[in-house]
Amino acid sequence: MPVPTSTVPDPLRWDLKSAGRELGMTAETLSRKLNKADQFPGPDKRYSTQQLLTAAFGNIAGERLRKVTEEADNMMLRNQILRGESLPRSLLTPALEQIFTVIKQLIVGSSMSALEKRDLLNNISTWPVVVQTAAARAAKQTRFAGTEENNGANGQGKVEEE
């Protein structure tokens, strides 16, 4: 008795010349589009129909997913601001500058020794680095907040410290 063969046909594989002719563009144009879309030929130096369509017409499902993800990220940031969980750096930095200017004036006018004043002023002069570090940590937490199982949520809408 003969061994049954698969009824699934082999997928179509295209060389650049045939694919370009079928899609109405030159092989060079199609090659540029394939490279731009990060589509590479298989070991047979040919492309699948899906690769050709993605390169020629784009990946609408991927673009929709990217749009939905960006919208969700934007909504999350807006909600954090509305709940007072996030402060825009553009508003925070000038407020901190004013506070530290007053503190510096108090230190300079104090009766501390010159060495004590210098040490204290050096310590508080690092505040911009501290703000930058906090912003970097917040950005890192925001990236992880997109996944439910690894968002660090403590059940109260806040992200726990690392």
C-alpha atoms as a PDB file:
ATOM      1  CA  MET A   1       0.000   0.000   0.000  1.00  0.00           C
ATOM      2  CA  PRO A   2       1.457   3.464  -0.895  1.00  0.00           C
ATOM      3  CA  VAL A   3       2.450   5.867   1.884  1.00  0.00           C
ATOM      4  CA  PRO A   4       0.035   8.826   2.016  1.00  0.00           C
ATOM      5  CA  THR A   5       1.618  12.120   1.050  1.00  0.00           C
ATOM      6  CA  SER A   6       0.816  15.441   2.569  1.00  0.00           C
ATOM      7  CA  THR A   7      -1.986  17.362   0.917  1.00  0.00           C
ATOM      8  CA  VAL A   8      -0.516  20.688   2.014  1.00  0.00           C
ATOM      9  CA  PRO A   9       1.315  22.213  -0.947  1.00  0.00           C
ATOM     10  CA  ASP A  10       4.750  23.694  -0.495  1.00  0.00           C
ATOM     11  CA  PRO A  11       4.545  27.427   0.182  1.00  0.00           C
ATOM     12  CA  LEU A  12       5.341  29.707  -2.713  1.00  0.00           C
ATOM     13  CA  ARG A  13       8.874  31.063  -2.762  1.00  0.00           C
ATOM     14  CA  TRP A  14       9.753  34.054  -4.894  1.00  0.00           C
ATOM     15  CA  ASP A  15      12.951  35.367  -6.431  1.00  0.00           C
ATOM     16  CA  LEU A  16      13.275  39.151  -6.675  1.00  0.00           C
ATOM     17  CA  LYS A  17      12.730  39.330 -10.420  1.00  0.00           C
ATOM     18  CA  SER A  18       9.507  37.267 -10.406  1.00  0.00           C
ATOM     19  CA  ALA A  19       8.171  38.940  -7.278  1.00  0.00           C
ATOM     20  CA  GLY A  20       8.935  42.412  -8.608  1.00  0.00           C
ATOM     21  CA  ARG A  21       7.155  41.637 -11.876  1.00  0.00           C
ATOM     22  CA  GLU A  22       4.130  40.275  -9.958  1.00  0.00           C
ATOM     23  CA  LEU A  23       4.001  43.305  -7.614  1.00  0.00           C
ATOM     24  CA  GLY A  24       4.573  45.847 -10.392  1.00  0.00           C
ATOM     25  CA  MET A  25       7.969  47.131  -9.279  1.00  0.00           C
ATOM     26  CA  THR A  26      11.572  46.616 -10.218  1.00  0.00           C
ATOM     27  CA  ALA A  27      13.668  43.998  -8.456  1.00  0.00           C
ATOM     28  CA  GLU A  28      15.862  46.836  -7.103  1.00  0.00           C
ATOM     29  CA  THR A  29      12.893  48.681  -5.600  1.00  0.00           C
ATOM     30  CA  LEU A  30      11.572  45.487  -4.059  1.00  0.00           C
ATOM     31  CA  SER A  31      15.032  44.672  -2.697  1.00  0.00           C
ATOM     32  CA  ARG A  32      15.205  48.090  -0.982  1.00  0.00           C
ATOM     33  CA  LYS A  33      11.733  47.589   0.512  1.00  0.00           C
ATOM     34  CA  LEU A  34      12.664  44.111   1.764  1.00  0.00           C
ATOM     35  CA  ASN A  35      15.838  45.453   3.403  1.00  0.00           C
ATOM     36  CA  LYS A  36      13.948  48.344   4.992  1.00  0.00           C
ATOM     37  CA  ALA A  37      11.360  45.901   6.382  1.00  0.00           C
ATOM     38  CA  ASP A  38      14.121  43.599   7.715  1.00  0.00           C
ATOM     39  CA  GLN A  39      12.954  40.751   5.480  1.00  0.00           C
ATOM     40  CA  PHE A  40      15.755  38.377   4.453  1.00  0.00           C
ATOM     41  CA  PRO A  41      15.766  35.539   1.931  1.00  0.00           C
ATOM     42  CA  GLY A  42      15.831  31.937   3.006  1.00  0.00           C
ATOM     43  CA  PRO A  43      18.619  29.488   2.226  1.00  0.00           C
ATOM     44  CA  ASP A  44      17.120  29.132  -1.263  1.00  0.00           C
ATOM     45  CA  LYS A  45      17.719  32.900  -1.849  1.00  0.00           C
ATOM     46  CA  ARG A  46      13.963  33.371  -2.207  1.00  0.00           C
ATOM     47  CA  TYR A  47      11.248  35.110  -0.205  1.00  0.00           C
ATOM     48  CA  SER A  48       7.871  33.945   1.065  1.00  0.00           C
ATOM     49  CA  THR A  49       4.695  35.632  -0.118  1.00  0.00           C
ATOM     50  CA  GLN A  50       4.162  36.989   3.427  1.00  0.00           C
ATOM     51  CA  GLN A  51       7.632  38.590   3.421  1.00  0.00           C
ATOM     52  CA  LEU A  52       6.950  40.229   0.063  1.00  0.00           C
ATOM     53  CA  LEU A  53       3.560  41.563   1.119  1.00  0.00           C
ATOM     54  CA  THR A  54       4.949  42.914   4.399  1.00  0.00           C
ATOM     55  CA  ALA A  55       7.766  44.708   2.580  1.00  0.00           C
ATOM     56  CA  ALA A  56       5.582  46.035  -0.241  1.00  0.00           C
ATOM     57  CA  PHE A  57       2.506  47.076   1.721  1.00  0.00           C
ATOM     58  CA  GLY A  58       3.544  47.244   5.369  1.00  0.00           C
ATOM     59  CA  ASN A  59       2.436  45.351   8.431  1.00  0.00           C
ATOM     60  CA  ILE A  60      -0.941  46.825   9.359  1.00  0.00           C
ATOM     61  CA  ALA A  61      -1.426  44.461  12.308  1.00  0.00           C
ATOM     62  CA  GLY A  62       1.954  45.464  13.735  1.00  0.00           C
ATOM     63  CA  GLU A  63       1.193  49.161  13.257  1.00  0.00           C
ATOM     64  CA  ARG A  64      -2.195  48.790  14.938  1.00  0.00           C
ATOM     65  CA  LEU A  65      -0.580  47.008  17.873  1.00  0.00           C
ATOM     66  CA  ARG A  66       2.050  49.757  18.152  1.00  0.00           C
ATOM     67  CA  LYS A  67      -0.691  52.418  18.110  1.00  0.00           C
ATOM     68  CA  VAL A  68      -2.765  50.662  20.782  1.00  0.00           C
ATOM     69  CA  THR A  69       0.341  50.193  22.953  1.00  0.00           C
ATOM     70  CA  GLU A  70       1.263  53.880  22.644  1.00  0.00           C
ATOM     71  CA  GLU A  71      -2.303  54.929  23.472  1.00  0.00           C
ATOM     72  CA  ALA A  72      -2.312  52.696  26.560  1.00  0.00           C
ATOM     73  CA  ASP A  73       1.060  54.087  27.695  1.00  0.00           C
ATOM     74  CA  ASN A  74      -0.210  57.631  27.195  1.00  0.00           C
ATOM     75  CA  MET A  75      -3.374  56.906  29.188  1.00  0.00           C
ATOM     76  CA  MET A  76      -1.333  55.346  32.002  1.00  0.00           C
ATOM     77  CA  LEU A  77       0.915  58.426  32.228  1.00  0.00           C
ATOM     78  CA  ARG A  78      -2.064  60.802  32.178  1.00  0.00           C
ATOM     79  CA  ASN A  79      -3.757  58.824  34.959  1.00  0.00           C
ATOM     80  CA  GLN A  80      -0.593  58.861  37.062  1.00  0.00           C
ATOM     81  CA  ILE A  81      -0.430  62.640  36.720  1.00  0.00           C
ATOM     82  CA  LEU A  82      -4.137  63.019  37.567  1.00  0.00           C
ATOM     83  CA  ARG A  83      -3.688  60.855  40.691  1.00  0.00           C
ATOM     84  CA  GLY A  84      -0.660  62.919  41.717  1.00  0.00           C
ATOM     85  CA  GLU A  85       1.658  59.934  41.333  1.00  0.00           C
ATOM     86  CA  SER A  86       3.859  61.672  38.789  1.00  0.00           C
ATOM     87  CA  LEU A  87       5.255  65.175  38.534  1.00  0.00           C
ATOM     88  CA  PRO A  88       6.403  66.605  35.226  1.00  0.00           C
ATOM     89  CA  ARG A  89      10.133  67.295  35.419  1.00  0.00           C
ATOM     90  CA  SER A  90       9.601  70.635  33.653  1.00  0.00           C
ATOM     91  CA  LEU A  91       7.587  71.808  36.684  1.00  0.00           C
ATOM     92  CA  LEU A  92       9.616  70.055  39.372  1.00  0.00           C
ATOM     93  CA  THR A  93      13.071  71.317  38.384  1.00  0.00           C
ATOM     94  CA  PRO A  94      12.348  75.085  38.666  1.00  0.00           C
ATOM     95  CA  ALA A  95      10.617  74.529  42.028  1.00  0.00           C
ATOM     96  CA  LEU A  96      13.638  72.628  43.348  1.00  0.00           C
ATOM     97  CA  GLU A  97      15.995  75.309  42.008  1.00  0.00           C
ATOM     98  CA  GLN A  98      14.101  77.949  44.003  1.00  0.00           C
ATOM     99  CA  ILE A  99      14.189  75.835  47.165  1.00  0.00           C
ATOM    100  CA  PHE A 100      17.906  75.132  46.891  1.00  0.00           C
ATOM    101  CA  THR A 101      18.702  78.775  46.141  1.00  0.00           C
ATOM    102  CA  VAL A 102      17.061  79.749  49.452  1.00  0.00           C
ATOM    103  CA  ILE A 103      18.886  76.927  51.266  1.00  0.00           C
ATOM    104  CA  LYS A 104      22.228  78.063  49.809  1.00  0.00           C
ATOM    105  CA  GLN A 105      21.570  81.633  50.961  1.00  0.00           C
ATOM    106  CA  LEU A 106      20.772  80.385  54.466  1.00  0.00           C
ATOM    107  CA  ILE A 107      23.970  78.312  54.551  1.00  0.00           C
ATOM    108  CA  VAL A 108      26.167  81.137  53.258  1.00  0.00           C
ATOM    109  CA  GLY A 109      24.673  83.544  55.830  1.00  0.00           C
ATOM    110  CA  SER A 110      24.959  81.085  58.704  1.00  0.00           C
ATOM    111  CA  SER A 111      27.575  81.031  61.440  1.00  0.00           C
ATOM    112  CA  MET A 112      28.997  77.676  60.312  1.00  0.00           C
ATOM    113  CA  SER A 113      32.680  77.394  59.587  1.00  0.00           C
ATOM    114  CA  ALA A 114      33.848  77.798  55.996  1.00  0.00           C
ATOM    115  CA  LEU A 115      34.643  74.070  55.848  1.00  0.00           C
ATOM    116  CA  GLU A 116      31.151  73.126  57.097  1.00  0.00           C
ATOM    117  CA  LYS A 117      29.535  75.498  54.588  1.00  0.00           C
ATOM    118  CA  ARG A 118      31.592  74.107  51.718  1.00  0.00           C
ATOM    119  CA  ASP A 119      30.792  70.500  52.625  1.00  0.00           C
ATOM    120  CA  LEU A 120      27.072  71.191  52.965  1.00  0.00           C
ATOM    121  CA  LEU A 121      26.935  73.191  49.727  1.00  0.00           C
ATOM    122  CA  ASN A 122      28.788  70.406  47.898  1.00  0.00           C
ATOM    123  CA  ASN A 123      26.288  67.863  49.214  1.00  0.00           C
ATOM    124  CA  ILE A 124      23.218  69.781  48.126  1.00  0.00           C
ATOM    125  CA  SER A 125      24.745  70.659  44.751  1.00  0.00           C
ATOM    126  CA  THR A 126      24.133  67.051  43.691  1.00  0.00           C
ATOM    127  CA  TRP A 127      20.355  67.513  43.588  1.00  0.00           C
ATOM    128  CA  PRO A 128      20.168  67.600  39.754  1.00  0.00           C
ATOM    129  CA  VAL A 129      21.881  64.193  39.626  1.00  0.00           C
ATOM    130  CA  VAL A 130      19.442  62.856  42.216  1.00  0.00           C
ATOM    131  CA  VAL A 131      16.490  64.066  40.120  1.00  0.00           C
ATOM    132  CA  GLN A 132      18.019  62.510  36.979  1.00  0.00           C
ATOM    133  CA  THR A 133      18.495  59.186  38.793  1.00  0.00           C
ATOM    134  CA  ALA A 134      14.902  59.249  40.062  1.00  0.00           C
ATOM    135  CA  ALA A 135      13.643  59.972  36.539  1.00  0.00           C
ATOM    136  CA  ALA A 136      15.640  57.042  35.150  1.00  0.00           C
ATOM    137  CA  ARG A 137      14.221  54.707  37.819  1.00  0.00           C
ATOM    138  CA  ALA A 138      10.686  55.932  37.093  1.00  0.00           C
ATOM    139  CA  ALA A 139      11.188  55.314  33.377  1.00  0.00           C
ATOM    140  CA  LYS A 140      12.426  51.799  34.116  1.00  0.00           C
ATOM    141  CA  GLN A 141       9.395  51.082  36.321  1.00  0.00           C
ATOM    142  CA  THR A 142       7.062  52.465  33.640  1.00  0.00           C
ATOM    143  CA  ARG A 143       8.533  50.076  31.045  1.00  0.00           C
ATOM    144  CA  PHE A 144       7.912  47.124  33.367  1.00  0.00           C
ATOM    145  CA  ALA A 145       4.422  48.330  34.320  1.00  0.00           C
ATOM    146  CA  GLY A 146       3.120  47.249  30.921  1.00  0.00           C
ATOM    147  CA  THR A 147       3.192  43.579  31.924  1.00  0.00           C
ATOM    148  CA  GLU A 148       0.701  42.388  34.504  1.00  0.00           C
ATOM    149  CA  GLU A 149       2.911  39.729  36.045  1.00  0.00           C
ATOM    150  CA  ASN A 150       5.962  41.982  36.472  1.00  0.00           C
ATOM    151  CA  ASN A 151       4.584  45.423  37.223  1.00  0.00           C
ATOM    152  CA  GLY A 152       5.500  45.610  40.898  1.00  0.00           C
ATOM    153  CA  ALA A 153       1.972  46.660  41.775  1.00  0.00           C
ATOM    154  CA  ASN A 154       1.186  46.371  45.437  1.00  0.00           C
ATOM    155  CA  GLY A 155      -2.575  46.261  44.929  1.00  0.00           C
ATOM    156  CA  GLN A 156      -2.984  49.958  45.789  1.00  0.00           C
ATOM    157  CA  GLY A 157      -2.209  51.477  42.392  1.00  0.00           C
ATOM    158  CA  LYS A 158       1.387  52.238  43.352  1.00  0.00           C
ATOM    159  CA  VAL A 159       4.617  50.783  42.107  1.00  0.00           C
ATOM    160  CA  GLU A 160       6.792  49.361  44.848  1.00  0.00           C
ATOM    161  CA  GLU A 161      10.448  50.274  45.225  1.00  0.00           C
ATOM    162  CA  GLU A 162      12.996  47.903  43.728  1.00  0.00           C
END
